[in-house]
N, C-alpha and C. Protein backbone atom coordinates (compact mmCIF):
# COMPACT_ATOMS: atom_id res chain seq x y z
N MET A 1 114.91 143.19 103.24
CA MET A 1 113.67 142.86 102.56
C MET A 1 113.20 141.51 103.09
N ARG A 2 111.97 141.50 103.62
CA ARG A 2 111.39 140.28 104.17
C ARG A 2 109.96 140.10 103.67
N PHE A 3 109.68 138.90 103.20
CA PHE A 3 108.33 138.55 102.77
C PHE A 3 107.76 137.58 103.80
N THR A 4 106.55 137.87 104.28
CA THR A 4 105.91 136.98 105.24
C THR A 4 104.45 136.77 104.84
N GLY A 5 103.89 135.69 105.33
CA GLY A 5 102.49 135.38 105.08
C GLY A 5 102.29 134.57 103.83
N ASN A 6 101.01 134.32 103.54
CA ASN A 6 100.68 133.57 102.33
C ASN A 6 99.35 134.08 101.79
N THR A 7 99.23 134.03 100.48
CA THR A 7 98.06 134.55 99.79
C THR A 7 97.70 133.63 98.64
N ASP A 8 96.40 133.37 98.50
CA ASP A 8 95.92 132.55 97.38
C ASP A 8 95.64 133.43 96.17
N ALA A 9 95.80 132.86 95.00
CA ALA A 9 95.53 133.56 93.74
C ALA A 9 95.18 132.51 92.69
N LYS A 10 94.82 132.99 91.51
CA LYS A 10 94.50 132.11 90.39
C LYS A 10 95.25 132.57 89.16
N THR A 11 95.70 131.60 88.38
CA THR A 11 96.31 131.93 87.10
C THR A 11 95.19 132.03 86.06
N ASP A 12 95.42 132.85 85.05
CA ASP A 12 94.45 132.90 83.95
C ASP A 12 94.88 131.91 82.87
N THR A 13 94.18 131.90 81.76
CA THR A 13 94.46 130.92 80.71
C THR A 13 95.84 131.11 80.07
N LYS A 14 96.40 132.31 80.19
CA LYS A 14 97.73 132.57 79.62
C LYS A 14 98.85 132.32 80.62
N GLY A 15 98.51 131.95 81.87
CA GLY A 15 99.53 131.72 82.87
C GLY A 15 99.88 132.96 83.67
N ARG A 16 99.07 134.00 83.56
CA ARG A 16 99.32 135.21 84.33
C ARG A 16 98.68 135.09 85.71
N VAL A 17 99.35 135.67 86.69
CA VAL A 17 98.83 135.66 88.06
C VAL A 17 99.22 136.98 88.72
N PHE A 18 98.33 137.50 89.56
CA PHE A 18 98.62 138.74 90.26
C PHE A 18 99.56 138.46 91.43
N LEU A 19 100.67 139.19 91.48
CA LEU A 19 101.56 139.14 92.62
C LEU A 19 100.82 139.81 93.77
N PRO A 20 100.72 139.16 94.94
CA PRO A 20 99.97 139.76 96.04
C PRO A 20 100.45 141.17 96.38
N ALA A 21 99.49 142.03 96.70
CA ALA A 21 99.78 143.44 96.97
C ALA A 21 100.81 143.61 98.09
N ALA A 22 100.73 142.81 99.13
CA ALA A 22 101.68 142.93 100.24
C ALA A 22 103.11 142.68 99.76
N PHE A 23 103.28 141.73 98.87
CA PHE A 23 104.62 141.43 98.35
C PHE A 23 105.07 142.52 97.38
N ARG A 24 104.14 143.04 96.59
CA ARG A 24 104.48 144.15 95.67
C ARG A 24 104.97 145.36 96.47
N LYS A 25 104.33 145.64 97.60
CA LYS A 25 104.73 146.79 98.43
C LYS A 25 106.15 146.61 98.95
N VAL A 26 106.49 145.41 99.37
CA VAL A 26 107.85 145.15 99.85
C VAL A 26 108.85 145.38 98.72
N LEU A 27 108.54 144.88 97.53
CA LEU A 27 109.44 145.06 96.38
C LEU A 27 109.57 146.53 96.01
N GLN A 28 108.45 147.24 95.96
CA GLN A 28 108.49 148.66 95.61
C GLN A 28 109.25 149.46 96.66
N GLY A 29 109.06 149.11 97.93
CA GLY A 29 109.75 149.81 99.02
C GLY A 29 111.26 149.65 98.96
N SER A 30 111.72 148.58 98.37
CA SER A 30 113.16 148.35 98.27
C SER A 30 113.69 148.72 96.89
N GLY A 31 112.82 149.23 96.02
CA GLY A 31 113.26 149.66 94.70
C GLY A 31 113.49 148.53 93.71
N GLU A 32 112.98 147.36 94.01
CA GLU A 32 113.16 146.20 93.11
C GLU A 32 112.10 146.21 92.02
N GLU A 33 112.51 145.92 90.81
CA GLU A 33 111.55 145.78 89.71
C GLU A 33 111.56 144.37 89.16
N GLY A 34 112.75 143.90 88.85
CA GLY A 34 112.88 142.58 88.24
C GLY A 34 112.91 141.47 89.26
N LEU A 35 112.43 140.33 88.83
CA LEU A 35 112.43 139.12 89.65
C LEU A 35 113.04 137.99 88.84
N ILE A 36 113.62 137.04 89.53
CA ILE A 36 114.13 135.85 88.88
C ILE A 36 113.28 134.69 89.36
N LEU A 37 112.81 133.89 88.40
CA LEU A 37 111.96 132.75 88.71
C LEU A 37 112.72 131.47 88.37
N ARG A 38 112.66 130.52 89.29
CA ARG A 38 113.20 129.20 89.01
C ARG A 38 112.50 128.18 89.88
N ARG A 39 112.65 126.91 89.50
CA ARG A 39 112.10 125.84 90.33
C ARG A 39 112.94 125.74 91.60
N ASP A 40 112.29 125.39 92.70
CA ASP A 40 113.02 125.17 93.94
C ASP A 40 113.85 123.90 93.81
N VAL A 41 115.00 123.87 94.45
CA VAL A 41 115.85 122.69 94.34
C VAL A 41 115.45 121.59 95.33
N PHE A 42 114.63 121.92 96.33
CA PHE A 42 114.24 120.93 97.33
C PHE A 42 112.75 120.60 97.32
N GLN A 43 111.91 121.57 97.05
CA GLN A 43 110.46 121.41 97.14
C GLN A 43 109.83 121.45 95.75
N HIS A 44 108.58 121.04 95.70
CA HIS A 44 107.82 121.01 94.45
C HIS A 44 107.08 122.35 94.27
N CYS A 45 107.87 123.43 94.11
CA CYS A 45 107.30 124.76 93.97
C CYS A 45 108.24 125.62 93.14
N LEU A 46 107.80 126.85 92.89
CA LEU A 46 108.61 127.83 92.19
C LEU A 46 109.10 128.86 93.20
N VAL A 47 110.23 129.49 92.91
CA VAL A 47 110.76 130.52 93.80
C VAL A 47 111.01 131.79 93.01
N LEU A 48 110.50 132.90 93.56
CA LEU A 48 110.76 134.22 93.01
C LEU A 48 111.84 134.89 93.85
N TYR A 49 112.93 135.26 93.21
CA TYR A 49 114.01 135.97 93.87
C TYR A 49 113.99 137.42 93.40
N PRO A 50 113.95 138.39 94.30
CA PRO A 50 114.21 139.76 93.85
C PRO A 50 115.60 139.78 93.21
N GLU A 51 115.77 140.58 92.19
CA GLU A 51 117.02 140.54 91.43
C GLU A 51 118.26 140.75 92.30
N SER A 52 118.19 141.65 93.26
CA SER A 52 119.36 141.88 94.12
C SER A 52 119.70 140.65 94.95
N ILE A 53 118.69 139.93 95.41
CA ILE A 53 118.91 138.71 96.19
C ILE A 53 119.50 137.62 95.30
N TRP A 54 118.96 137.48 94.09
CA TRP A 54 119.48 136.51 93.13
C TRP A 54 120.95 136.81 92.81
N ASN A 55 121.26 138.07 92.53
CA ASN A 55 122.63 138.44 92.18
C ASN A 55 123.60 138.13 93.33
N ARG A 56 123.17 138.39 94.56
CA ARG A 56 124.00 138.07 95.72
C ARG A 56 124.21 136.56 95.83
N LEU A 57 123.16 135.79 95.59
CA LEU A 57 123.25 134.33 95.65
C LEU A 57 124.21 133.80 94.59
N ILE A 58 124.07 134.29 93.37
CA ILE A 58 124.95 133.83 92.29
C ILE A 58 126.39 134.25 92.55
N ASP A 59 126.61 135.46 93.05
CA ASP A 59 127.97 135.89 93.40
C ASP A 59 128.57 134.96 94.44
N ASP A 60 127.77 134.59 95.44
CA ASP A 60 128.26 133.69 96.49
C ASP A 60 128.58 132.30 95.92
N LEU A 61 127.68 131.77 95.10
CA LEU A 61 127.91 130.45 94.51
C LEU A 61 129.13 130.46 93.59
N THR A 62 129.27 131.52 92.82
CA THR A 62 130.42 131.64 91.90
C THR A 62 131.72 131.72 92.69
N ALA A 63 131.71 132.47 93.78
CA ALA A 63 132.92 132.60 94.60
C ALA A 63 133.32 131.27 95.22
N ARG A 64 132.36 130.39 95.43
CA ARG A 64 132.64 129.09 96.05
C ARG A 64 133.00 128.02 95.01
N THR A 65 132.95 128.38 93.74
CA THR A 65 133.19 127.41 92.68
C THR A 65 134.45 127.81 91.91
N HIS A 66 135.45 127.00 92.00
CA HIS A 66 136.70 127.25 91.27
C HIS A 66 136.44 127.03 89.77
N PRO A 67 137.02 127.86 88.91
CA PRO A 67 136.80 127.69 87.47
C PRO A 67 137.15 126.31 86.92
N PHE A 68 138.04 125.57 87.62
CA PHE A 68 138.42 124.24 87.15
C PHE A 68 137.81 123.12 87.97
N ASP A 69 136.76 123.46 88.72
CA ASP A 69 135.98 122.46 89.46
C ASP A 69 134.83 122.03 88.56
N ARG A 70 135.06 120.95 87.82
CA ARG A 70 134.09 120.51 86.81
C ARG A 70 132.70 120.30 87.40
N LYS A 71 132.60 119.58 88.50
CA LYS A 71 131.31 119.28 89.12
C LYS A 71 130.64 120.57 89.63
N GLY A 72 131.41 121.41 90.29
CA GLY A 72 130.88 122.67 90.80
C GLY A 72 130.36 123.57 89.68
N ARG A 73 131.11 123.65 88.59
CA ARG A 73 130.68 124.49 87.46
C ARG A 73 129.42 123.93 86.81
N GLU A 74 129.33 122.60 86.74
CA GLU A 74 128.15 121.98 86.16
C GLU A 74 126.92 122.27 87.02
N LEU A 75 127.06 122.16 88.33
CA LEU A 75 125.93 122.45 89.23
C LEU A 75 125.51 123.92 89.12
N LEU A 76 126.49 124.81 89.09
CA LEU A 76 126.19 126.24 88.94
C LEU A 76 125.49 126.50 87.61
N ARG A 77 125.98 125.89 86.55
CA ARG A 77 125.37 126.06 85.23
C ARG A 77 123.91 125.61 85.24
N ARG A 78 123.67 124.43 85.81
CA ARG A 78 122.30 123.91 85.85
C ARG A 78 121.38 124.81 86.69
N PHE A 79 121.91 125.34 87.78
CA PHE A 79 121.12 126.22 88.63
C PHE A 79 120.74 127.50 87.89
N VAL A 80 121.72 128.11 87.24
CA VAL A 80 121.49 129.38 86.55
C VAL A 80 120.67 129.19 85.27
N ALA A 81 120.90 128.10 84.57
CA ALA A 81 120.21 127.88 83.29
C ALA A 81 118.71 127.67 83.47
N ASP A 82 118.29 127.24 84.64
CA ASP A 82 116.87 126.99 84.88
C ASP A 82 116.15 128.23 85.42
N ALA A 83 116.79 129.37 85.34
CA ALA A 83 116.20 130.61 85.86
C ALA A 83 115.76 131.51 84.71
N GLU A 84 114.81 132.36 85.02
CA GLU A 84 114.26 133.26 84.01
C GLU A 84 113.89 134.59 84.68
N ARG A 85 114.26 135.69 84.04
CA ARG A 85 113.93 137.02 84.57
C ARG A 85 112.50 137.37 84.17
N ILE A 86 111.72 137.84 85.14
CA ILE A 86 110.37 138.30 84.84
C ILE A 86 110.12 139.63 85.56
N VAL A 87 109.29 140.44 84.95
CA VAL A 87 108.94 141.74 85.52
C VAL A 87 107.42 141.81 85.56
N PRO A 88 106.86 142.18 86.72
CA PRO A 88 105.40 142.35 86.76
C PRO A 88 104.95 143.39 85.76
N ASP A 89 103.79 143.15 85.12
CA ASP A 89 103.27 144.14 84.19
C ASP A 89 102.68 145.31 84.97
N GLY A 90 102.12 146.29 84.28
CA GLY A 90 101.58 147.49 84.91
C GLY A 90 100.45 147.21 85.89
N ASN A 91 99.82 146.06 85.78
CA ASN A 91 98.74 145.69 86.69
C ASN A 91 99.22 144.80 87.84
N GLY A 92 100.52 144.52 87.90
CA GLY A 92 101.06 143.68 88.97
C GLY A 92 100.97 142.19 88.69
N ARG A 93 100.77 141.83 87.42
CA ARG A 93 100.68 140.41 87.06
C ARG A 93 102.04 139.88 86.62
N LEU A 94 102.25 138.60 86.91
CA LEU A 94 103.43 137.88 86.45
C LEU A 94 102.99 136.87 85.41
N LEU A 95 103.77 136.72 84.37
CA LEU A 95 103.50 135.69 83.37
C LEU A 95 104.40 134.50 83.69
N LEU A 96 103.76 133.40 84.10
CA LEU A 96 104.48 132.18 84.43
C LEU A 96 104.40 131.24 83.24
N SER A 97 105.55 130.84 82.74
CA SER A 97 105.55 129.99 81.55
C SER A 97 104.95 128.63 81.86
N ARG A 98 104.43 128.01 80.83
CA ARG A 98 103.79 126.70 80.97
C ARG A 98 104.75 125.67 81.58
N ARG A 99 106.03 125.71 81.19
CA ARG A 99 106.98 124.73 81.72
C ARG A 99 107.14 124.86 83.23
N TYR A 100 107.13 126.10 83.74
CA TYR A 100 107.23 126.28 85.19
C TYR A 100 105.96 125.83 85.89
N LEU A 101 104.82 126.17 85.31
CA LEU A 101 103.55 125.76 85.92
C LEU A 101 103.47 124.23 85.99
N LEU A 102 103.83 123.57 84.92
CA LEU A 102 103.80 122.11 84.90
C LEU A 102 104.78 121.51 85.90
N SER A 103 105.97 122.07 85.98
CA SER A 103 106.98 121.51 86.87
C SER A 103 106.59 121.62 88.34
N ALA A 104 105.75 122.62 88.68
CA ALA A 104 105.31 122.79 90.07
C ALA A 104 103.93 122.19 90.30
N GLY A 105 103.34 121.58 89.27
CA GLY A 105 102.02 120.98 89.43
C GLY A 105 100.91 122.00 89.60
N ILE A 106 101.11 123.19 89.06
CA ILE A 106 100.13 124.27 89.20
C ILE A 106 99.18 124.26 88.01
N THR A 107 97.89 124.25 88.30
CA THR A 107 96.89 124.37 87.24
C THR A 107 96.34 125.79 87.27
N THR A 108 95.42 126.08 88.15
CA THR A 108 94.91 127.46 88.26
C THR A 108 95.07 128.04 89.65
N ASP A 109 94.85 127.25 90.69
CA ASP A 109 94.90 127.76 92.06
C ASP A 109 96.33 127.72 92.59
N VAL A 110 96.82 128.88 92.98
CA VAL A 110 98.18 128.99 93.51
C VAL A 110 98.16 129.61 94.90
N ARG A 111 99.24 129.38 95.61
CA ARG A 111 99.45 130.06 96.89
C ARG A 111 100.85 130.63 96.89
N PHE A 112 100.93 131.93 97.15
CA PHE A 112 102.20 132.61 97.32
C PHE A 112 102.56 132.52 98.80
N ILE A 113 103.79 132.14 99.09
CA ILE A 113 104.25 132.05 100.47
C ILE A 113 105.51 132.89 100.61
N GLY A 114 105.46 133.87 101.52
CA GLY A 114 106.65 134.66 101.81
C GLY A 114 107.65 133.81 102.57
N MET A 115 108.86 133.77 102.08
CA MET A 115 109.88 132.91 102.67
C MET A 115 111.17 133.71 102.86
N ASP A 116 111.12 134.63 103.82
CA ASP A 116 112.24 135.50 104.15
C ASP A 116 112.49 136.48 102.99
N ASP A 117 113.57 136.29 102.22
CA ASP A 117 113.87 137.23 101.15
C ASP A 117 113.46 136.71 99.77
N THR A 118 112.68 135.63 99.75
CA THR A 118 112.14 135.11 98.49
C THR A 118 110.64 134.85 98.65
N ILE A 119 110.00 134.58 97.53
CA ILE A 119 108.57 134.27 97.50
C ILE A 119 108.41 132.93 96.80
N GLU A 120 107.74 132.01 97.46
CA GLU A 120 107.48 130.71 96.85
C GLU A 120 106.09 130.73 96.21
N ILE A 121 105.96 130.00 95.11
CA ILE A 121 104.67 129.85 94.43
C ILE A 121 104.37 128.35 94.38
N TRP A 122 103.28 127.97 95.03
CA TRP A 122 102.87 126.57 95.17
C TRP A 122 101.53 126.35 94.51
N SER A 123 101.24 125.11 94.15
CA SER A 123 99.85 124.77 93.85
C SER A 123 99.15 124.88 95.21
N ARG A 124 97.94 125.39 95.21
CA ARG A 124 97.25 125.60 96.49
C ARG A 124 97.11 124.29 97.26
N GLU A 125 96.81 123.23 96.54
CA GLU A 125 96.63 121.92 97.18
C GLU A 125 97.90 121.47 97.89
N GLU A 126 99.04 121.58 97.23
CA GLU A 126 100.31 121.18 97.83
C GLU A 126 100.67 122.08 99.02
N ALA A 127 100.38 123.37 98.90
CA ALA A 127 100.68 124.30 99.99
C ALA A 127 99.86 123.98 101.23
N GLU A 128 98.60 123.61 101.03
CA GLU A 128 97.75 123.27 102.17
C GLU A 128 98.29 122.04 102.90
N LYS A 129 98.76 121.06 102.14
CA LYS A 129 99.37 119.88 102.76
C LYS A 129 100.62 120.28 103.55
N LEU A 130 101.43 121.13 102.94
CA LEU A 130 102.68 121.56 103.55
C LEU A 130 102.43 122.32 104.84
N LEU A 131 101.42 123.16 104.87
CA LEU A 131 101.19 124.04 106.01
C LEU A 131 100.30 123.44 107.09
N GLU A 132 99.84 122.19 106.90
CA GLU A 132 99.04 121.55 107.94
C GLU A 132 99.87 121.43 109.20
N ASP A 133 99.25 121.72 110.34
CA ASP A 133 99.97 121.62 111.60
C ASP A 133 99.73 120.24 112.19
N ASN A 134 100.73 119.41 112.12
CA ASN A 134 100.62 118.06 112.66
C ASN A 134 101.53 117.86 113.87
N GLY A 135 101.91 118.96 114.50
CA GLY A 135 102.75 118.88 115.68
C GLY A 135 104.24 118.94 115.40
N GLU A 136 104.63 118.73 114.16
CA GLU A 136 106.06 118.73 113.83
C GLU A 136 106.67 120.13 113.89
N LEU A 137 105.85 121.16 113.66
CA LEU A 137 106.38 122.52 113.65
C LEU A 137 106.98 122.88 115.00
N GLY A 138 106.21 122.68 116.06
CA GLY A 138 106.71 123.00 117.40
C GLY A 138 107.94 122.19 117.76
N ASP A 139 107.90 120.90 117.48
CA ASP A 139 109.04 120.03 117.80
C ASP A 139 110.28 120.44 117.01
N GLY A 140 110.08 120.73 115.73
CA GLY A 140 111.21 121.12 114.89
C GLY A 140 111.82 122.45 115.31
N LEU A 141 110.97 123.44 115.62
CA LEU A 141 111.49 124.74 116.06
C LEU A 141 112.21 124.61 117.40
N GLU A 142 111.66 123.81 118.29
CA GLU A 142 112.31 123.59 119.58
C GLU A 142 113.71 123.00 119.37
N ALA A 143 113.82 122.02 118.51
CA ALA A 143 115.12 121.41 118.24
C ALA A 143 116.08 122.41 117.61
N MET A 144 115.60 123.21 116.67
CA MET A 144 116.46 124.21 116.04
C MET A 144 116.98 125.22 117.05
N ILE A 145 116.11 125.68 117.92
CA ILE A 145 116.50 126.69 118.92
C ILE A 145 117.49 126.09 119.91
N ASN A 146 117.25 124.85 120.33
CA ASN A 146 118.17 124.21 121.26
C ASN A 146 119.53 123.97 120.62
N ILE A 147 119.54 123.58 119.36
CA ILE A 147 120.80 123.35 118.66
C ILE A 147 121.56 124.67 118.51
N ALA A 148 120.83 125.75 118.13
CA ALA A 148 121.47 127.05 117.96
C ALA A 148 122.03 127.57 119.28
N ALA A 149 121.37 127.21 120.38
CA ALA A 149 121.82 127.65 121.71
C ALA A 149 122.88 126.70 122.27
N GLY A 150 123.20 125.63 121.54
CA GLY A 150 124.20 124.68 122.00
C GLY A 150 123.70 123.76 123.09
N GLN A 151 122.39 123.61 123.17
CA GLN A 151 121.79 122.75 124.19
C GLN A 151 121.21 121.51 123.54
N PRO A 152 121.30 120.40 124.25
CA PRO A 152 120.61 119.20 123.71
C PRO A 152 119.11 119.40 123.78
N ASN A 153 118.40 118.67 122.98
CA ASN A 153 116.94 118.78 122.94
C ASN A 153 116.38 118.21 124.24
N ALA A 154 115.84 119.09 125.08
CA ALA A 154 115.36 118.72 126.42
C ALA A 154 114.26 117.69 126.35
N SER A 155 113.40 117.75 125.34
CA SER A 155 112.26 116.83 125.29
C SER A 155 112.71 115.40 124.98
N HIS A 156 113.92 115.23 124.48
CA HIS A 156 114.39 113.89 124.17
C HIS A 156 115.42 113.37 125.17
N GLU A 157 115.68 114.12 126.25
CA GLU A 157 116.68 113.70 127.23
C GLU A 157 116.13 112.74 128.26
N GLN A 158 114.85 112.65 128.43
CA GLN A 158 114.24 111.87 129.50
C GLN A 158 114.47 110.41 129.35
């Protein structure tokens, strides 16, 4: 299951927003109904996990956390406690709670961004800043590819 692209949408007064049709098709094609919503741990956005992806993530985190690892258990607890299961209604809308909207700085304009096996929900303004091409994308991808290939970054060797 892969989500790609980005789509703008608007929340209504109750915090409902239409999940983009392209993302709904991916979910339906894989038989997913439920989604898990939580704040991102690194960025100022929300993340939608298909339930199977969330369950795999939690299984992996749990397997890496010994029951008597106080710090690890606390981190796992905080990660899981900030999550909420949501299911799109019959019209494909998601109800985003006020606390999530506030935590991501979302008022009405949102941008959904496909991020591999998850979907990010951003305030449109923040997403536009994030997606501006200032030359860092090419440089960063070049460095990632060179590192993965075990090569030093050629552009910095001169």
